[in-house]
Amino acid sequence: MKKAIMIVGFITALAITSAQVFKFMHLPGAGTALYLTGLLLSVFFALFVLDKMKEMSGGKVFASHIAGAASAMFTDLGISFRIWHWPGADI
């Protein structure tokens, strides 16, 4: 799990950097890059929260841990939708 978190975190950091370069340079595809960055960030947060909860419970994964990771993912996606004014953000 730690290796997956490290890989997703590295890819997310690269995506954030490239999306910002695209946005600042007004290059085509900046919106898509920001969208993918939001998705990657939400997956990273979900994996991170799930791993921390697993460590705190002695290596066991409970349904509440999965619910916490899913809520972290949906919260981050909601924030991304609101910040970038994407369709569906009102929901």
PDB file of N, CA and C in Angstrom:
ATOM      1  N   MET A   1       0.827  -1.191   0.000  1.00  0.00           N
ATOM      2  CA  MET A   1       0.000   0.000   0.000  1.00  0.00           C
ATOM      3  C   MET A   1       0.869   1.251   0.000  1.00  0.00           C
ATOM      4  N   LYS A   2       1.958   1.218   0.758  1.00  0.00           N
ATOM      5  CA  LYS A   2       2.834   2.395   0.825  1.00  0.00           C
ATOM      6  C   LYS A   2       3.439   2.700  -0.546  1.00  0.00           C
ATOM      7  N   LYS A   3       3.790   1.644  -1.291  1.00  0.00           N
ATOM      8  CA  LYS A   3       4.386   1.850  -2.605  1.00  0.00           C
ATOM      9  C   LYS A   3       3.364   2.479  -3.553  1.00  0.00           C
ATOM     10  N   ALA A   4       2.112   2.042  -3.475  1.00  0.00           N
ATOM     11  CA  ALA A   4       1.061   2.621  -4.317  1.00  0.00           C
ATOM     12  C   ALA A   4       0.847   4.089  -3.977  1.00  0.00           C
ATOM     13  N   ILE A   5       0.883   4.419  -2.695  1.00  0.00           N
ATOM     14  CA  ILE A   5       0.712   5.812  -2.279  1.00  0.00           C
ATOM     15  C   ILE A   5       1.866   6.668  -2.791  1.00  0.00           C
ATOM     16  N   MET A   6       3.076   6.140  -2.717  1.00  0.00           N
ATOM     17  CA  MET A   6       4.238   6.879  -3.211  1.00  0.00           C
ATOM     18  C   MET A   6       4.146   7.112  -4.720  1.00  0.00           C
ATOM     19  N   ILE A   7       3.734   6.092  -5.465  1.00  0.00           N
ATOM     20  CA  ILE A   7       3.639   6.215  -6.918  1.00  0.00           C
ATOM     21  C   ILE A   7       2.548   7.207  -7.301  1.00  0.00           C
ATOM     22  N   VAL A   8       1.373   7.067  -6.698  1.00  0.00           N
ATOM     23  CA  VAL A   8       0.269   7.978  -7.008  1.00  0.00           C
ATOM     24  C   VAL A   8       0.619   9.403  -6.579  1.00  0.00           C
ATOM     25  N   GLY A   9       1.296   9.553  -5.449  1.00  0.00           N
ATOM     26  CA  GLY A   9       1.705  10.875  -4.998  1.00  0.00           C
ATOM     27  C   GLY A   9       2.689  11.530  -5.950  1.00  0.00           C
ATOM     28  N   PHE A  10       3.638  10.757  -6.463  1.00  0.00           N
ATOM     29  CA  PHE A  10       4.609  11.293  -7.413  1.00  0.00           C
ATOM     30  C   PHE A  10       3.934  11.698  -8.717  1.00  0.00           C
ATOM     31  N   ILE A  11       3.044  10.840  -9.219  1.00  0.00           N
ATOM     32  CA  ILE A  11       2.323  11.155 -10.454  1.00  0.00           C
ATOM     33  C   ILE A  11       1.436  12.382 -10.257  1.00  0.00           C
ATOM     34  N   THR A  12       0.816  12.493  -9.083  1.00  0.00           N
ATOM     35  CA  THR A  12      -0.029  13.650  -8.789  1.00  0.00           C
ATOM     36  C   THR A  12       0.789  14.937  -8.747  1.00  0.00           C
ATOM     37  N   ALA A  13       1.958  14.879  -8.136  1.00  0.00           N
ATOM     38  CA  ALA A  13       2.822  16.068  -8.085  1.00  0.00           C
ATOM     39  C   ALA A  13       3.245  16.490  -9.495  1.00  0.00           C
ATOM     40  N   LEU A  14       3.575  15.529 -10.337  1.00  0.00           N
ATOM     41  CA  LEU A  14       3.913  15.852 -11.721  1.00  0.00           C
ATOM     42  C   LEU A  14       2.720  16.438 -12.466  1.00  0.00           C
ATOM     43  N   ALA A  15       1.533  15.886 -12.214  1.00  0.00           N
ATOM     44  CA  ALA A  15       0.328  16.380 -12.882  1.00  0.00           C
ATOM     45  C   ALA A  15       0.007  17.809 -12.438  1.00  0.00           C
ATOM     46  N   ILE A  16       0.165  18.102 -11.155  1.00  0.00           N
ATOM     47  CA  ILE A  16      -0.089  19.455 -10.665  1.00  0.00           C
ATOM     48  C   ILE A  16       0.860  20.446 -11.319  1.00  0.00           C
ATOM     49  N   THR A  17       2.134  20.076 -11.380  1.00  0.00           N
ATOM     50  CA  THR A  17       3.128  20.958 -11.983  1.00  0.00           C
ATOM     51  C   THR A  17       2.846  21.197 -13.454  1.00  0.00           C
ATOM     52  N   SER A  18       2.572  20.117 -14.198  1.00  0.00           N
ATOM     53  CA  SER A  18       2.319  20.276 -15.635  1.00  0.00           C
ATOM     54  C   SER A  18       1.022  21.027 -15.889  1.00  0.00           C
ATOM     55  N   ALA A  19      -0.003  20.807 -15.069  1.00  0.00           N
ATOM     56  CA  ALA A  19      -1.273  21.521 -15.251  1.00  0.00           C
ATOM     57  C   ALA A  19      -1.086  23.016 -15.016  1.00  0.00           C
ATOM     58  N   GLN A  20      -0.287  23.366 -14.024  1.00  0.00           N
ATOM     59  CA  GLN A  20      -0.041  24.789 -13.763  1.00  0.00           C
ATOM     60  C   GLN A  20       0.755  25.438 -14.885  1.00  0.00           C
ATOM     61  N   VAL A  21       1.716  24.716 -15.444  1.00  0.00           N
ATOM     62  CA  VAL A  21       2.472  25.245 -16.582  1.00  0.00           C
ATOM     63  C   VAL A  21       1.540  25.462 -17.770  1.00  0.00           C
ATOM     64  N   PHE A  22       0.673  24.476 -18.021  1.00  0.00           N
ATOM     65  CA  PHE A  22      -0.294  24.615 -19.118  1.00  0.00           C
ATOM     66  C   PHE A  22      -1.195  25.824 -18.895  1.00  0.00           C
ATOM     67  N   LYS A  23      -1.650  25.997 -17.657  1.00  0.00           N
ATOM     68  CA  LYS A  23      -2.563  27.096 -17.353  1.00  0.00           C
ATOM     69  C   LYS A  23      -1.869  28.457 -17.475  1.00  0.00           C
ATOM     70  N   PHE A  24      -0.665  28.581 -16.925  1.00  0.00           N
ATOM     71  CA  PHE A  24       0.043  29.857 -16.976  1.00  0.00           C
ATOM     72  C   PHE A  24       0.472  30.242 -18.382  1.00  0.00           C
ATOM     73  N   MET A  25       0.792  29.233 -19.197  1.00  0.00           N
ATOM     74  CA  MET A  25       1.235  29.504 -20.561  1.00  0.00           C
ATOM     75  C   MET A  25       0.066  29.560 -21.554  1.00  0.00           C
ATOM     76  N   HIS A  26      -1.154  29.382 -21.056  1.00  0.00           N
ATOM     77  CA  HIS A  26      -2.370  29.402 -21.875  1.00  0.00           C
ATOM     78  C   HIS A  26      -2.293  28.400 -23.022  1.00  0.00           C
ATOM     79  N   LEU A  27      -1.808  27.211 -22.717  1.00  0.00           N
ATOM     80  CA  LEU A  27      -1.696  26.151 -23.714  1.00  0.00           C
ATOM     81  C   LEU A  27      -3.007  25.379 -23.803  1.00  0.00           C
ATOM     82  N   PRO A  28      -3.308  24.838 -24.976  1.00  0.00           N
ATOM     83  CA  PRO A  28      -4.517  24.026 -25.084  1.00  0.00           C
ATOM     84  C   PRO A  28      -4.377  22.748 -24.250  1.00  0.00           C
ATOM     85  N   GLY A  29      -5.445  22.339 -23.654  1.00  0.00           N
ATOM     86  CA  GLY A  29      -5.438  21.149 -22.814  1.00  0.00           C
ATOM     87  C   GLY A  29      -5.280  21.445 -21.345  1.00  0.00           C
ATOM     88  N   ALA A  30      -5.261  22.711 -20.968  1.00  0.00           N
ATOM     89  CA  ALA A  30      -5.086  23.064 -19.556  1.00  0.00           C
ATOM     90  C   ALA A  30      -6.284  22.602 -18.726  1.00  0.00           C
ATOM     91  N   GLY A  31      -7.485  22.713 -19.272  1.00  0.00           N
ATOM     92  CA  GLY A  31      -8.675  22.273 -18.540  1.00  0.00           C
ATOM     93  C   GLY A  31      -8.660  20.776 -18.293  1.00  0.00           C
ATOM     94  N   THR A  32      -8.253  20.023 -19.297  1.00  0.00           N
ATOM     95  CA  THR A  32      -8.163  18.574 -19.145  1.00  0.00           C
ATOM     96  C   THR A  32      -7.090  18.203 -18.134  1.00  0.00           C
ATOM     97  N   ALA A  33      -5.975  18.903 -18.167  1.00  0.00           N
ATOM     98  CA  ALA A  33      -4.899  18.637 -17.208  1.00  0.00           C
ATOM     99  C   ALA A  33      -5.360  18.929 -15.780  1.00  0.00           C
ATOM    100  N   LEU A  34      -6.097  20.008 -15.592  1.00  0.00           N
ATOM    101  CA  LEU A  34      -6.621  20.322 -14.261  1.00  0.00           C
ATOM    102  C   LEU A  34      -7.633  19.285 -13.806  1.00  0.00           C
ATOM    103  N   TYR A  35      -8.448  18.799 -14.720  1.00  0.00           N
ATOM    104  CA  TYR A  35      -9.435  17.771 -14.404  1.00  0.00           C
ATOM    105  C   TYR A  35      -8.738  16.493 -13.955  1.00  0.00           C
ATOM    106  N   LEU A  36      -7.730  16.063 -14.699  1.00  0.00           N
ATOM    107  CA  LEU A  36      -6.997  14.855 -14.332  1.00  0.00           C
ATOM    108  C   LEU A  36      -6.252  15.028 -13.008  1.00  0.00           C
ATOM    109  N   THR A  37      -5.759  16.220 -12.771  1.00  0.00           N
ATOM    110  CA  THR A  37      -5.084  16.496 -11.510  1.00  0.00           C
ATOM    111  C   THR A  37      -6.051  16.374 -10.332  1.00  0.00           C
ATOM    112  N   GLY A  38      -7.260  16.895 -10.497  1.00  0.00           N
ATOM    113  CA  GLY A  38      -8.266  16.755  -9.444  1.00  0.00           C
ATOM    114  C   GLY A  38      -8.603  15.307  -9.157  1.00  0.00           C
ATOM    115  N   LEU A  39      -8.720  14.504 -10.209  1.00  0.00           N
ATOM    116  CA  LEU A  39      -9.004  13.081 -10.022  1.00  0.00           C
ATOM    117  C   LEU A  39      -7.841  12.365  -9.325  1.00  0.00           C
ATOM    118  N   LEU A  40      -6.627  12.643  -9.768  1.00  0.00           N
ATOM    119  CA  LEU A  40      -5.461  12.015  -9.145  1.00  0.00           C
ATOM    120  C   LEU A  40      -5.316  12.421  -7.688  1.00  0.00           C
ATOM    121  N   LEU A  41      -5.579  13.670  -7.404  1.00  0.00           N
ATOM    122  CA  LEU A  41      -5.474  14.150  -6.030  1.00  0.00           C
ATOM    123  C   LEU A  41      -6.508  13.475  -5.132  1.00  0.00           C
ATOM    124  N   SER A  42      -7.700  13.271  -5.644  1.00  0.00           N
ATOM    125  CA  SER A  42      -8.723  12.607  -4.830  1.00  0.00           C
ATOM    126  C   SER A  42      -8.374  11.139  -4.589  1.00  0.00           C
ATOM    127  N   VAL A  43      -7.793  10.471  -5.583  1.00  0.00           N
ATOM    128  CA  VAL A  43      -7.368   9.078  -5.388  1.00  0.00           C
ATOM    129  C   VAL A  43      -6.224   9.016  -4.368  1.00  0.00           C
ATOM    130  N   PHE A  44      -5.296   9.962  -4.470  1.00  0.00           N
ATOM    131  CA  PHE A  44      -4.174   9.991  -3.520  1.00  0.00           C
ATOM    132  C   PHE A  44      -4.675  10.191  -2.093  1.00  0.00           C
ATOM    133  N   PHE A  45      -5.583  11.148  -1.884  1.00  0.00           N
ATOM    134  CA  PHE A  45      -6.100  11.383  -0.540  1.00  0.00           C
ATOM    135  C   PHE A  45      -6.841  10.163   0.001  1.00  0.00           C
ATOM    136  N   ALA A  46      -7.612   9.490  -0.857  1.00  0.00           N
ATOM    137  CA  ALA A  46      -8.338   8.305  -0.408  1.00  0.00           C
ATOM    138  C   ALA A  46      -7.371   7.202   0.026  1.00  0.00           C
ATOM    139  N   LEU A  47      -6.336   6.954  -0.773  1.00  0.00           N
ATOM    140  CA  LEU A  47      -5.355   5.934  -0.402  1.00  0.00           C
ATOM    141  C   LEU A  47      -4.603   6.316   0.869  1.00  0.00           C
ATOM    142  N   PHE A  48      -4.262   7.587   0.990  1.00  0.00           N
ATOM    143  CA  PHE A  48      -3.531   8.060   2.161  1.00  0.00           C
ATOM    144  C   PHE A  48      -4.366   7.897   3.433  1.00  0.00           C
ATOM    145  N   VAL A  49      -5.623   8.300   3.385  1.00  0.00           N
ATOM    146  CA  VAL A  49      -6.505   8.181   4.554  1.00  0.00           C
ATOM    147  C   VAL A  49      -6.715   6.720   4.916  1.00  0.00           C
ATOM    148  N   LEU A  50      -6.909   5.870   3.908  1.00  0.00           N
ATOM    149  CA  LEU A  50      -7.109   4.449   4.170  1.00  0.00           C
ATOM    150  C   LEU A  50      -5.869   3.834   4.813  1.00  0.00           C
ATOM    151  N   ASP A  51      -4.694   4.198   4.355  1.00  0.00           N
ATOM    152  CA  ASP A  51      -3.459   3.667   4.930  1.00  0.00           C
ATOM    153  C   ASP A  51      -3.262   4.134   6.365  1.00  0.00           C
ATOM    154  N   LYS A  52      -3.529   5.394   6.647  1.00  0.00           N
ATOM    155  CA  LYS A  52      -3.358   5.899   8.016  1.00  0.00           C
ATOM    156  C   LYS A  52      -4.341   5.246   8.979  1.00  0.00           C
ATOM    157  N   MET A  53      -5.570   5.036   8.528  1.00  0.00           N
ATOM    158  CA  MET A  53      -6.546   4.369   9.397  1.00  0.00           C
ATOM    159  C   MET A  53      -6.166   2.912   9.627  1.00  0.00           C
ATOM    160  N   LYS A  54      -5.611   2.286   8.601  1.00  0.00           N
ATOM    161  CA  LYS A  54      -5.168   0.894   8.736  1.00  0.00           C
ATOM    162  C   LYS A  54      -4.029   0.786   9.737  1.00  0.00           C
ATOM    163  N   GLU A  55      -3.096   1.734   9.710  1.00  0.00           N
ATOM    164  CA  GLU A  55      -1.994   1.736  10.684  1.00  0.00           C
ATOM    165  C   GLU A  55      -2.505   1.911  12.104  1.00  0.00           C
ATOM    166  N   MET A  56      -3.491   2.778  12.277  1.00  0.00           N
ATOM    167  CA  MET A  56      -4.010   3.059  13.621  1.00  0.00           C
ATOM    168  C   MET A  56      -4.770   1.877  14.205  1.00  0.00           C
ATOM    169  N   SER A  57      -5.335   1.015  13.344  1.00  0.00           N
ATOM    170  CA  SER A  57      -6.115  -0.113  13.846  1.00  0.00           C
ATOM    171  C   SER A  57      -5.308  -1.404  13.901  1.00  0.00           C
ATOM    172  N   GLY A  58      -4.020  -1.326  13.727  1.00  0.00           N
ATOM    173  CA  GLY A  58      -3.196  -2.521  13.844  1.00  0.00           C
ATOM    174  C   GLY A  58      -3.138  -3.362  12.579  1.00  0.00           C
ATOM    175  N   GLY A  59      -3.375  -2.792  11.431  1.00  0.00           N
ATOM    176  CA  GLY A  59      -3.266  -3.512  10.166  1.00  0.00           C
ATOM    177  C   GLY A  59      -4.561  -4.084   9.646  1.00  0.00           C
ATOM    178  N   LYS A  60      -5.656  -3.827  10.322  1.00  0.00           N
ATOM    179  CA  LYS A  60      -6.954  -4.334   9.862  1.00  0.00           C
ATOM    180  C   LYS A  60      -7.730  -3.225   9.174  1.00  0.00           C
ATOM    181  N   VAL A  61      -8.466  -3.605   8.120  1.00  0.00           N
ATOM    182  CA  VAL A  61      -9.299  -2.643   7.399  1.00  0.00           C
ATOM    183  C   VAL A  61     -10.760  -2.937   7.724  1.00  0.00           C
ATOM    184  N   PHE A  62     -11.452  -1.935   8.216  1.00  0.00           N
ATOM    185  CA  PHE A  62     -12.858  -2.066   8.552  1.00  0.00           C
ATOM    186  C   PHE A  62     -13.705  -1.295   7.547  1.00  0.00           C
ATOM    187  N   ALA A  63     -14.998  -1.515   7.579  1.00  0.00           N
ATOM    188  CA  ALA A  63     -15.917  -0.807   6.678  1.00  0.00           C
ATOM    189  C   ALA A  63     -15.872   0.697   6.934  1.00  0.00           C
ATOM    190  N   SER A  64     -15.668   1.082   8.168  1.00  0.00           N
ATOM    191  CA  SER A  64     -15.588   2.517   8.489  1.00  0.00           C
ATOM    192  C   SER A  64     -14.348   3.151   7.861  1.00  0.00           C
ATOM    193  N   HIS A  65     -13.283   2.388   7.713  1.00  0.00           N
ATOM    194  CA  HIS A  65     -12.084   2.909   7.058  1.00  0.00           C
ATOM    195  C   HIS A  65     -12.355   3.179   5.579  1.00  0.00           C
ATOM    196  N   ILE A  66     -13.046   2.258   4.944  1.00  0.00           N
ATOM    197  CA  ILE A  66     -13.379   2.427   3.525  1.00  0.00           C
ATOM    198  C   ILE A  66     -14.334   3.601   3.352  1.00  0.00           C
ATOM    199  N   ALA A  67     -15.280   3.737   4.270  1.00  0.00           N
ATOM    200  CA  ALA A  67     -16.210   4.870   4.200  1.00  0.00           C
ATOM    201  C   ALA A  67     -15.469   6.196   4.400  1.00  0.00           C
ATOM    202  N   GLY A  68     -14.500   6.232   5.290  1.00  0.00           N
ATOM    203  CA  GLY A  68     -13.707   7.439   5.504  1.00  0.00           C
ATOM    204  C   GLY A  68     -12.879   7.793   4.285  1.00  0.00           C
ATOM    205  N   ALA A  69     -12.283   6.792   3.654  1.00  0.00           N
ATOM    206  CA  ALA A  69     -11.488   7.032   2.444  1.00  0.00           C
ATOM    207  C   ALA A  69     -12.377   7.512   1.299  1.00  0.00           C
ATOM    208  N   ALA A  70     -13.561   6.925   1.172  1.00  0.00           N
ATOM    209  CA  ALA A  70     -14.492   7.350   0.117  1.00  0.00           C
ATOM    210  C   ALA A  70     -14.982   8.768   0.361  1.00  0.00           C
ATOM    211  N   SER A  71     -15.237   9.111   1.618  1.00  0.00           N
ATOM    212  CA  SER A  71     -15.692  10.480   1.903  1.00  0.00           C
ATOM    213  C   SER A  71     -14.578  11.490   1.649  1.00  0.00           C
ATOM    214  N   ALA A  72     -13.326  11.127   1.921  1.00  0.00           N
ATOM    215  CA  ALA A  72     -12.200  12.012   1.602  1.00  0.00           C
ATOM    216  C   ALA A  72     -12.095  12.219   0.101  1.00  0.00           C
ATOM    217  N   MET A  73     -12.311  11.146  -0.660  1.00  0.00           N
ATOM    218  CA  MET A  73     -12.238  11.237  -2.116  1.00  0.00           C
ATOM    219  C   MET A  73     -13.351  12.130  -2.659  1.00  0.00           C
ATOM    220  N   PHE A  74     -14.567  11.917  -2.191  1.00  0.00           N
ATOM    221  CA  PHE A  74     -15.690  12.710  -2.701  1.00  0.00           C
ATOM    222  C   PHE A  74     -15.600  14.174  -2.260  1.00  0.00           C
ATOM    223  N   THR A  75     -15.089  14.408  -1.066  1.00  0.00           N
ATOM    224  CA  THR A  75     -14.910  15.784  -0.616  1.00  0.00           C
ATOM    225  C   THR A  75     -13.900  16.514  -1.485  1.00  0.00           C
ATOM    226  N   ASP A  76     -12.793  15.850  -1.784  1.00  0.00           N
ATOM    227  CA  ASP A  76     -11.787  16.477  -2.642  1.00  0.00           C
ATOM    228  C   ASP A  76     -12.314  16.699  -4.053  1.00  0.00           C
ATOM    229  N   LEU A  77     -13.063  15.759  -4.585  1.00  0.00           N
ATOM    230  CA  LEU A  77     -13.661  15.956  -5.912  1.00  0.00           C
ATOM    231  C   LEU A  77     -14.646  17.120  -5.903  1.00  0.00           C
ATOM    232  N   GLY A  78     -15.431  17.230  -4.836  1.00  0.00           N
ATOM    233  CA  GLY A  78     -16.371  18.347  -4.722  1.00  0.00           C
ATOM    234  C   GLY A  78     -15.668  19.688  -4.656  1.00  0.00           C
ATOM    235  N   ILE A  79     -14.576  19.734  -3.912  1.00  0.00           N
ATOM    236  CA  ILE A  79     -13.804  20.974  -3.831  1.00  0.00           C
ATOM    237  C   ILE A  79     -13.222  21.318  -5.190  1.00  0.00           C
ATOM    238  N   SER A  80     -12.690  20.325  -5.890  1.00  0.00           N
ATOM    239  CA  SER A  80     -12.135  20.568  -7.230  1.00  0.00           C
ATOM    240  C   SER A  80     -13.204  21.087  -8.181  1.00  0.00           C
ATOM    241  N   PHE A  81     -14.390  20.499  -8.129  1.00  0.00           N
ATOM    242  CA  PHE A  81     -15.478  20.941  -9.007  1.00  0.00           C
ATOM    243  C   PHE A  81     -15.859  22.385  -8.715  1.00  0.00           C
ATOM    244  N   ARG A  82     -15.901  22.744  -7.422  1.00  0.00           N
ATOM    245  CA  ARG A  82     -16.298  24.109  -7.062  1.00  0.00           C
ATOM    246  C   ARG A  82     -15.219  25.135  -7.417  1.00  0.00           C
ATOM    247  N   ILE A  83     -13.967  24.798  -7.201  1.00  0.00           N
ATOM    248  CA  ILE A  83     -12.892  25.751  -7.475  1.00  0.00           C
ATOM    249  C   ILE A  83     -12.816  26.074  -8.956  1.00  0.00           C
ATOM    250  N   TRP A  84     -12.923  25.050  -9.806  1.00  0.00           N
ATOM    251  CA  TRP A  84     -12.754  25.271 -11.240  1.00  0.00           C
ATOM    252  C   TRP A  84     -14.077  25.471 -11.968  1.00  0.00           C
ATOM    253  N   HIS A  85     -15.176  25.609 -11.230  1.00  0.00           N
ATOM    254  CA  HIS A  85     -16.495  25.914 -11.793  1.00  0.00           C
ATOM    255  C   HIS A  85     -16.894  24.941 -12.894  1.00  0.00           C
ATOM    256  N   TRP A  86     -16.724  23.674 -12.627  1.00  0.00           N
ATOM    257  CA  TRP A  86     -17.076  22.646 -13.602  1.00  0.00           C
ATOM    258  C   TRP A  86     -18.571  22.389 -13.566  1.00  0.00           C
ATOM    259  N   PRO A  87     -19.123  21.879 -14.672  1.00  0.00           N
ATOM    260  CA  PRO A  87     -20.536  21.499 -14.666  1.00  0.00           C
ATOM    261  C   PRO A  87     -20.792  20.406 -13.615  1.00  0.00           C
ATOM    262  N   GLY A  88     -21.870  20.513 -12.933  1.00  0.00           N
ATOM    263  CA  GLY A  88     -22.205  19.540 -11.893  1.00  0.00           C
ATOM    264  C   GLY A  88     -21.740  19.952 -10.519  1.00  0.00           C
ATOM    265  N   ALA A  89     -21.086  21.092 -10.398  1.00  0.00           N
ATOM    266  CA  ALA A  89     -20.588  21.521  -9.103  1.00  0.00           C
ATOM    267  C   ALA A  89     -21.710  21.960  -8.175  1.00  0.00           C
ATOM    268  N   ASP A  90     -22.850  22.347  -8.722  1.00  0.00           N
ATOM    269  CA  ASP A  90     -23.969  22.768  -7.885  1.00  0.00           C
ATOM    270  C   ASP A  90     -24.566  21.620  -7.095  1.00  0.00           C
ATOM    271  N   ILE A  91     -24.433  20.422  -7.604  1.00  0.00           N
ATOM    272  CA  ILE A  91     -24.974  19.248  -6.919  1.00  0.00           C
ATOM    273  C   ILE A  91     -24.169  18.991  -5.678  1.00  0.00           C
TER     274      ILE A  91
END
